[in-house]
């Protein structure tokens, strides 16, 4: 029952987003690891970034790059 409530909240949120925001969110979701993988360690930024897992930073950078490329029609 709880998962149904969460799905309806997600649907409402997605419906409130612009097309560009939806594309960005999809890019972020697609960049996340799938299947059985180790849990995220952290995603700190700024002066604490050296403590973050480098693979997480790389995937986040890829997601941002894809979003910018799609926004400017480069992809």
Protein backbone atom coordinates (compact mmCIF):
# COMPACT_ATOMS: atom_id res chain seq x y z
CA UNK A 1 0.00 0.00 0.00
CA UNK A 2 2.85 2.35 0.84
CA UNK A 3 4.51 1.80 -2.56
CA UNK A 4 1.28 2.77 -4.33
CA UNK A 5 1.23 6.09 -2.45
CA UNK A 6 4.86 6.72 -3.42
CA UNK A 7 4.16 5.95 -7.09
CA UNK A 8 1.27 8.41 -7.14
CA UNK A 9 3.50 11.08 -5.58
CA UNK A 10 6.14 10.46 -8.25
CA UNK A 11 3.54 10.69 -11.01
CA UNK A 12 2.25 14.00 -9.63
CA UNK A 13 5.78 15.36 -9.39
CA UNK A 14 6.70 14.31 -12.94
CA UNK A 15 3.52 15.86 -14.31
CA UNK A 16 4.50 19.17 -12.71
CA UNK A 17 7.93 19.24 -14.42
CA UNK A 18 8.79 20.81 -17.75
CA UNK A 19 9.95 18.59 -20.62
CA UNK A 20 13.53 19.74 -20.07
CA UNK A 21 13.38 18.86 -16.37
CA UNK A 22 11.94 15.42 -17.16
CA UNK A 23 14.80 14.74 -19.63
CA UNK A 24 17.34 15.78 -17.00
CA UNK A 25 15.77 13.53 -14.33
CA UNK A 26 15.72 10.62 -16.77
CA UNK A 27 19.39 11.17 -17.51
CA UNK A 28 20.23 11.09 -13.83
CA UNK A 29 18.16 7.93 -13.30
CA UNK A 30 19.78 6.21 -16.27
CA UNK A 31 23.24 7.05 -14.92
CA UNK A 32 22.52 5.32 -11.61
CA UNK A 33 23.87 1.80 -11.13
CA UNK A 34 21.42 -0.97 -11.91
CA UNK A 35 21.12 -4.37 -10.25
CA UNK A 36 23.14 -5.58 -7.30
CA UNK A 37 25.80 -2.99 -6.61
CA UNK A 38 27.41 -1.65 -3.49
CA UNK A 39 25.46 1.15 -1.79
CA UNK A 40 26.56 4.73 -2.33
CA UNK A 41 29.28 5.83 0.02
CA UNK A 42 28.71 9.58 -0.16
CA UNK A 43 28.30 12.40 -2.63
CA UNK A 44 29.91 15.31 -0.85
CA UNK A 45 30.90 18.44 -2.73
CA UNK A 46 33.19 21.39 -2.22
CA UNK A 47 36.00 20.99 0.28
CA UNK A 48 34.69 17.53 1.23
CA UNK A 49 34.67 16.20 -2.34
CA UNK A 50 37.88 14.25 -1.79
CA UNK A 51 35.94 11.97 0.54
CA UNK A 52 33.35 11.11 -2.12
CA UNK A 53 33.56 8.00 -4.27
CA UNK A 54 35.19 9.02 -7.58
CA UNK A 55 32.87 6.79 -9.61
CA UNK A 56 29.86 8.66 -8.20
CA UNK A 57 31.36 11.99 -9.24
CA UNK A 58 32.07 10.62 -12.72
CA UNK A 59 28.48 9.39 -13.18
CA UNK A 60 27.10 12.72 -11.94
CA UNK A 61 29.36 14.60 -14.35
CA UNK A 62 28.19 12.37 -17.22
CA UNK A 63 24.54 13.03 -16.33
CA UNK A 64 25.12 16.81 -16.27
CA UNK A 65 26.97 16.63 -19.59
CA UNK A 66 24.14 14.65 -21.21
CA UNK A 67 21.57 17.12 -19.91
CA UNK A 68 23.51 20.10 -21.30
CA UNK A 69 24.05 18.35 -24.65
CA UNK A 70 20.35 17.51 -24.94
CA UNK A 71 19.37 21.04 -23.98
CA UNK A 72 21.55 22.49 -26.73
CA UNK A 73 20.68 19.82 -29.29
CA UNK A 74 24.21 18.45 -29.38
CA UNK A 75 23.13 14.88 -28.91
